[in-house]
Protein backbone atom coordinates (compact mmCIF):
# COMPACT_ATOMS: atom_id res chain seq x y z
CA UNK A 1 -31.56 15.99 4.17
CA UNK A 2 -34.78 15.66 2.13
CA UNK A 3 -33.96 18.83 0.23
CA UNK A 4 -30.41 17.69 -0.49
CA UNK A 5 -31.72 14.30 -1.64
CA UNK A 6 -33.96 16.04 -4.18
CA UNK A 7 -30.98 17.64 -5.93
CA UNK A 8 -29.35 16.01 -8.94
CA UNK A 9 -26.31 13.88 -7.94
CA UNK A 10 -23.92 15.95 -10.05
CA UNK A 11 -25.08 19.10 -8.23
CA UNK A 12 -24.74 17.31 -4.89
CA UNK A 13 -21.17 16.44 -5.85
CA UNK A 14 -20.48 20.02 -6.91
CA UNK A 15 -21.72 21.39 -3.58
CA UNK A 16 -19.63 18.80 -1.72
CA UNK A 17 -16.55 19.73 -3.76
CA UNK A 18 -17.06 23.43 -3.06
CA UNK A 19 -17.39 22.60 0.66
CA UNK A 20 -14.09 20.69 0.74
CA UNK A 21 -12.39 23.50 -1.19
CA UNK A 22 -13.82 25.97 1.34
CA UNK A 23 -12.38 23.86 4.17
CA UNK A 24 -8.98 24.10 2.51
CA UNK A 25 -9.31 27.87 2.26
CA UNK A 26 -10.73 28.74 5.67
CA UNK A 27 -9.39 26.01 7.92
CA UNK A 28 -6.08 25.33 6.26
CA UNK A 29 -4.55 27.95 4.03
CA UNK A 30 -5.88 30.82 6.17
CA UNK A 31 -3.65 29.68 9.05
CA UNK A 32 -0.75 31.28 7.22
CA UNK A 33 -2.38 34.67 7.78
CA UNK A 34 -2.16 34.27 11.54
CA UNK A 35 1.24 32.66 12.13
CA UNK A 36 4.74 34.05 12.26
CA UNK A 37 6.71 30.85 11.72
CA UNK A 38 6.16 27.28 10.59
CA UNK A 39 5.64 24.72 13.36
CA UNK A 40 7.03 21.37 12.19
CA UNK A 41 5.18 19.52 14.95
CA UNK A 42 1.86 20.99 13.85
CA UNK A 43 2.50 20.06 10.22
CA UNK A 44 3.42 16.49 11.14
CA UNK A 45 0.25 16.10 13.22
CA UNK A 46 -1.98 17.51 10.47
CA UNK A 47 -0.43 15.38 7.74
CA UNK A 48 -0.72 12.25 9.88
CA UNK A 49 -4.36 13.07 10.63
CA UNK A 50 -5.13 13.58 6.93
CA UNK A 51 -3.55 10.22 6.07
CA UNK A 52 -5.67 8.44 8.67
CA UNK A 53 -8.87 9.99 7.30
CA UNK A 54 -7.98 8.94 3.75
CA UNK A 55 -7.21 5.34 4.74
CA UNK A 56 -10.57 4.92 6.48
CA UNK A 57 -12.50 6.70 3.72
CA UNK A 58 -10.87 4.57 1.05
CA UNK A 59 -12.23 1.40 2.61
CA UNK A 60 -15.59 2.22 4.18
CA UNK A 61 -16.75 4.84 1.68
CA UNK A 62 -15.27 3.39 -1.51
CA UNK A 63 -13.93 -0.18 -1.49
CA UNK A 64 -16.67 -1.76 0.62
CA UNK A 65 -19.50 -0.34 -1.55
CA UNK A 66 -17.51 -1.28 -4.67
CA UNK A 67 -17.42 -4.92 -3.57
CA UNK A 68 -21.15 -4.79 -2.88
CA UNK A 69 -22.01 -3.44 -6.34
CA UNK A 70 -19.62 -5.86 -8.06
CA UNK A 71 -21.47 -8.88 -6.63
CA UNK A 72 -24.27 -8.30 -9.13
CA UNK A 73 -21.92 -8.78 -12.07
CA UNK A 74 -21.07 -11.92 -14.01
CA UNK A 75 -17.44 -12.05 -12.80
CA UNK A 76 -15.99 -12.50 -9.29
CA UNK A 77 -16.68 -9.38 -7.23
CA UNK A 78 -13.04 -8.91 -6.33
CA UNK A 79 -11.90 -8.61 -9.96
CA UNK A 80 -13.43 -5.24 -10.97
CA UNK A 81 -12.49 -3.82 -7.57
CA UNK A 82 -8.88 -4.98 -7.95
CA UNK A 83 -8.72 -3.63 -11.51
CA UNK A 84 -10.19 -0.25 -10.55
CA UNK A 85 -7.91 0.05 -7.51
CA UNK A 86 -4.79 -0.68 -9.57
CA UNK A 87 -5.80 1.66 -12.40
CA UNK A 88 -6.44 4.44 -9.87
CA UNK A 89 -2.90 4.12 -8.57
CA UNK A 90 -1.47 3.96 -12.09
CA UNK A 91 -3.43 7.08 -13.04
CA UNK A 92 -1.83 9.08 -10.22
CA UNK A 93 1.56 7.62 -11.10
CA UNK A 94 1.06 8.82 -14.69
CA UNK A 95 0.19 12.30 -13.47
CA UNK A 96 3.32 12.24 -11.31
CA UNK A 97 5.40 11.50 -14.40
CA UNK A 98 3.72 13.99 -16.75
CA UNK A 99 3.15 16.98 -14.45
CA UNK A 100 6.25 18.86 -13.24
CA UNK A 101 6.17 18.97 -9.44
CA UNK A 102 8.23 18.51 -6.31
CA UNK A 103 7.31 16.94 -2.98
CA UNK A 104 7.51 18.91 0.24
CA UNK A 105 9.58 16.20 1.93
CA UNK A 106 11.71 14.82 -0.90
CA UNK A 107 11.49 13.82 -4.53
CA UNK A 108 11.25 10.23 -5.67
CA UNK A 109 12.57 10.53 -9.24
CA UNK A 110 9.00 11.20 -10.40
CA UNK A 111 8.93 14.97 -10.49
CA UNK A 112 7.62 15.25 -14.03
CA UNK A 113 9.05 16.51 -17.30
CA UNK A 114 10.53 19.91 -18.11
CA UNK A 115 10.72 20.84 -14.43
CA UNK A 116 13.44 23.41 -15.13
CA UNK A 117 10.81 25.59 -16.82
CA UNK A 118 8.88 26.03 -13.57
CA UNK A 119 9.65 27.69 -10.25
CA UNK A 120 9.78 25.72 -7.00
CA UNK A 121 6.56 27.45 -5.87
CA UNK A 122 4.73 26.40 -9.02
CA UNK A 123 5.89 22.79 -8.72
CA UNK A 124 4.86 22.61 -5.05
CA UNK A 125 1.45 23.95 -6.06
CA UNK A 126 1.13 21.42 -8.87
CA UNK A 127 2.09 18.55 -6.56
CA UNK A 128 -0.73 19.31 -4.13
CA UNK A 129 -3.18 20.08 -6.94
CA UNK A 130 -2.80 16.78 -8.76
CA UNK A 131 -3.12 14.93 -5.47
CA UNK A 132 -6.43 16.69 -4.77
CA UNK A 133 -7.98 15.19 -7.91
CA UNK A 134 -8.79 11.74 -6.42
CA UNK A 135 -10.57 13.36 -3.49
CA UNK A 136 -12.91 15.17 -5.86
CA UNK A 137 -13.44 12.02 -7.92
CA UNK A 138 -14.25 10.10 -4.74
CA UNK A 139 -16.94 12.63 -3.84
CA UNK A 140 -18.54 12.52 -7.27
CA UNK A 141 -18.56 8.74 -7.45
CA UNK A 142 -19.96 8.46 -3.92
CA UNK A 143 -22.92 10.76 -4.62
CA UNK A 144 -23.63 9.06 -7.94
CA UNK A 145 -23.51 5.66 -6.23
CA UNK A 146 -25.94 6.86 -3.55
CA UNK A 147 -28.45 7.87 -6.21
CA UNK A 148 -28.33 4.38 -7.74
CA UNK A 149 -29.21 2.53 -4.52
CA UNK A 150 -27.38 -0.44 -3.06
CA UNK A 151 -25.01 -0.23 -0.13
CA UNK A 152 -23.92 3.35 -0.83
CA UNK A 153 -26.16 5.94 0.82
CA UNK A 154 -26.51 9.70 0.75
CA UNK A 155 -25.52 9.93 4.41
CA UNK A 156 -22.45 7.86 3.60
CA UNK A 157 -21.52 10.27 0.81
CA UNK A 158 -22.04 13.18 3.20
CA UNK A 159 -19.82 11.44 5.77
CA UNK A 160 -17.13 11.15 3.09
CA UNK A 161 -17.56 14.86 2.35
CA UNK A 162 -17.10 15.75 6.01
CA UNK A 163 -14.07 13.46 6.27
CA UNK A 164 -12.36 14.95 3.21
CA UNK A 165 -13.23 18.43 4.44
CA UNK A 166 -11.59 17.66 7.78
CA UNK A 167 -8.43 16.37 6.17
CA UNK A 168 -8.35 19.36 3.80
CA UNK A 169 -7.95 21.65 6.79
CA UNK A 170 -4.34 20.59 7.34
CA UNK A 171 -3.76 20.04 3.63
CA UNK A 172 -4.05 23.75 2.86
CA UNK A 173 -1.65 24.67 5.65
CA UNK A 174 0.76 21.93 4.53
CA UNK A 175 1.28 23.94 1.34
CA UNK A 176 0.80 27.51 2.56
CA UNK A 177 3.08 27.35 5.60
CA UNK A 178 6.16 25.97 3.77
CA UNK A 179 5.70 28.55 1.01
CA UNK A 180 5.52 31.29 3.64
CA UNK A 181 8.64 29.88 5.31
CA UNK A 182 10.47 30.07 1.97
CA UNK A 183 9.80 33.81 1.74
CA UNK A 184 6.52 34.06 -0.15
CA UNK A 185 4.12 36.73 1.08
CA UNK A 186 1.21 35.65 3.29
CA UNK A 187 -1.27 36.62 0.59
CA UNK A 188 0.45 34.60 -2.11
CA UNK A 189 0.91 31.59 0.18
CA UNK A 190 -2.77 31.78 1.11
CA UNK A 191 -3.96 31.99 -2.50
CA UNK A 192 -1.79 29.08 -3.62
CA UNK A 193 -2.88 27.03 -0.60
CA UNK A 194 -6.60 27.21 -1.28
CA UNK A 195 -6.19 27.40 -5.05
CA UNK A 196 -4.72 23.90 -5.07
CA UNK A 197 -8.13 22.52 -4.01
CA UNK A 198 -10.21 24.17 -6.75
CA UNK A 199 -9.85 20.95 -8.75
CA UNK A 200 -12.00 19.12 -6.20
CA UNK A 201 -15.43 20.49 -7.24
CA UNK A 202 -14.43 20.09 -10.90
CA UNK A 203 -13.32 16.47 -10.55
CA UNK A 204 -16.34 15.75 -8.31
CA UNK A 205 -18.71 16.70 -11.10
CA UNK A 206 -16.68 14.69 -13.63
CA UNK A 207 -16.79 11.60 -11.40
CA UNK A 208 -20.53 11.87 -10.82
CA UNK A 209 -21.42 12.45 -14.47
CA UNK A 210 -19.22 9.56 -15.64
CA UNK A 211 -20.92 7.08 -13.30
CA UNK A 212 -24.43 8.35 -14.10
CA UNK A 213 -23.80 8.00 -17.84
CA UNK A 214 -22.28 4.52 -17.61
CA UNK A 215 -23.64 2.90 -14.45
CA UNK A 216 -21.84 -0.38 -15.12
CA UNK A 217 -18.51 1.26 -14.27
CA UNK A 218 -19.61 1.99 -10.69
CA UNK A 219 -17.51 -0.68 -8.90
CA UNK A 220 -14.54 0.26 -11.07
CA UNK A 221 -15.06 3.97 -10.37
CA UNK A 222 -15.36 3.52 -6.60
CA UNK A 223 -12.22 1.38 -6.39
CA UNK A 224 -10.42 3.70 -8.85
CA UNK A 225 -10.96 6.61 -6.47
CA UNK A 226 -9.79 4.46 -3.55
CA UNK A 227 -6.62 3.41 -5.38
CA UNK A 228 -5.82 7.00 -6.30
CA UNK A 229 -6.31 8.14 -2.69
CA UNK A 230 -4.14 5.35 -1.30
CA UNK A 231 -1.42 6.26 -3.80
CA UNK A 232 -1.49 9.86 -2.58
CA UNK A 233 -1.21 9.03 1.09
CA UNK A 234 1.60 6.48 0.62
CA UNK A 235 3.46 8.69 -1.84
CA UNK A 236 2.93 12.03 -0.15
CA UNK A 237 1.24 12.32 3.23
CA UNK A 238 2.86 9.51 5.22
CA UNK A 239 6.45 10.21 4.04
CA UNK A 240 6.04 13.92 4.81
CA UNK A 241 4.51 13.25 8.23
CA UNK A 242 7.39 10.88 9.03
CA UNK A 243 10.15 13.13 7.69
CA UNK A 244 10.08 15.39 10.77
CA UNK A 245 11.35 14.81 14.28
CA UNK A 246 7.80 14.14 15.46
CA UNK A 247 7.14 10.73 13.97
CA UNK A 248 5.40 9.22 17.01
CA UNK A 249 2.84 11.97 17.38
CA UNK A 250 2.27 11.98 13.61
CA UNK A 251 1.53 8.26 13.79
CA UNK A 252 -0.92 8.78 16.65
CA UNK A 253 -2.59 11.56 14.65
CA UNK A 254 -2.97 9.10 11.78
CA UNK A 255 -4.70 6.63 14.07
CA UNK A 256 -7.00 9.33 15.43
CA UNK A 257 -7.90 10.44 11.89
CA UNK A 258 -8.65 6.83 10.94
CA UNK A 259 -10.91 6.32 13.97
CA UNK A 260 -12.75 9.60 13.41
CA UNK A 261 -13.46 8.83 9.74
CA UNK A 262 -14.51 5.28 10.60
CA UNK A 263 -16.98 6.58 13.17
CA UNK A 264 -18.35 9.15 10.73
CA UNK A 265 -18.81 6.63 7.96
CA UNK A 266 -20.27 3.84 10.08
CA UNK A 267 -22.51 6.10 12.15
CA UNK A 268 -23.82 8.18 9.26
CA UNK A 269 -23.54 5.64 6.44
């Protein structure tokens, strides 16, 4: 822990982003190399679990510290947090409009422009990729916040890293397994599955550097990441988990993921 604390926050964020990408590759996308058919029940459980982790992380790792930092400002503490949260959701909505993609469960008239120029595989890949961006931003902002003191701590940022890593395990399989079921080779499905998470270390560094350069944006940045993550889980994870015939067990998986992330954040943070 002492060694990790001595590293620059941007490097901490980079390492954390590489770890979460590695979780996507080894724990998630690699499952396609060892299965013969897609298990809808397994996918529903994993997507529900990932949603639960993201809900808990959004509050304890991002919104709660954001409110704490905002109290030192000249305006009501809820205002910058509300603004950042809303802008985070709008940012993901803008990406949904601009980037051609399709959802695994169903489209919501937001599949981007010029979608006819891209294959279904490419648009599935893009959908998961753009929804990995807020996770990387959350990591970067969390490590930058920990270096600035206040309520955010390094152990809290590490707890967030573990939580996102855990929910990335099913996220990789949620892309790889459907692609395999549609006839893609195991190798291609695997590469697309883990490749969708390569944006996490990149966006983690961007988030950390932005906060370190302009520290006054910290409450906005924390709540921005939370808003973007909430948008993803409401837009993508929960609908897909509930689109199967295993809605009850997907809901219980969500609750288990929430509890696990809450324990991690409270115990370590």
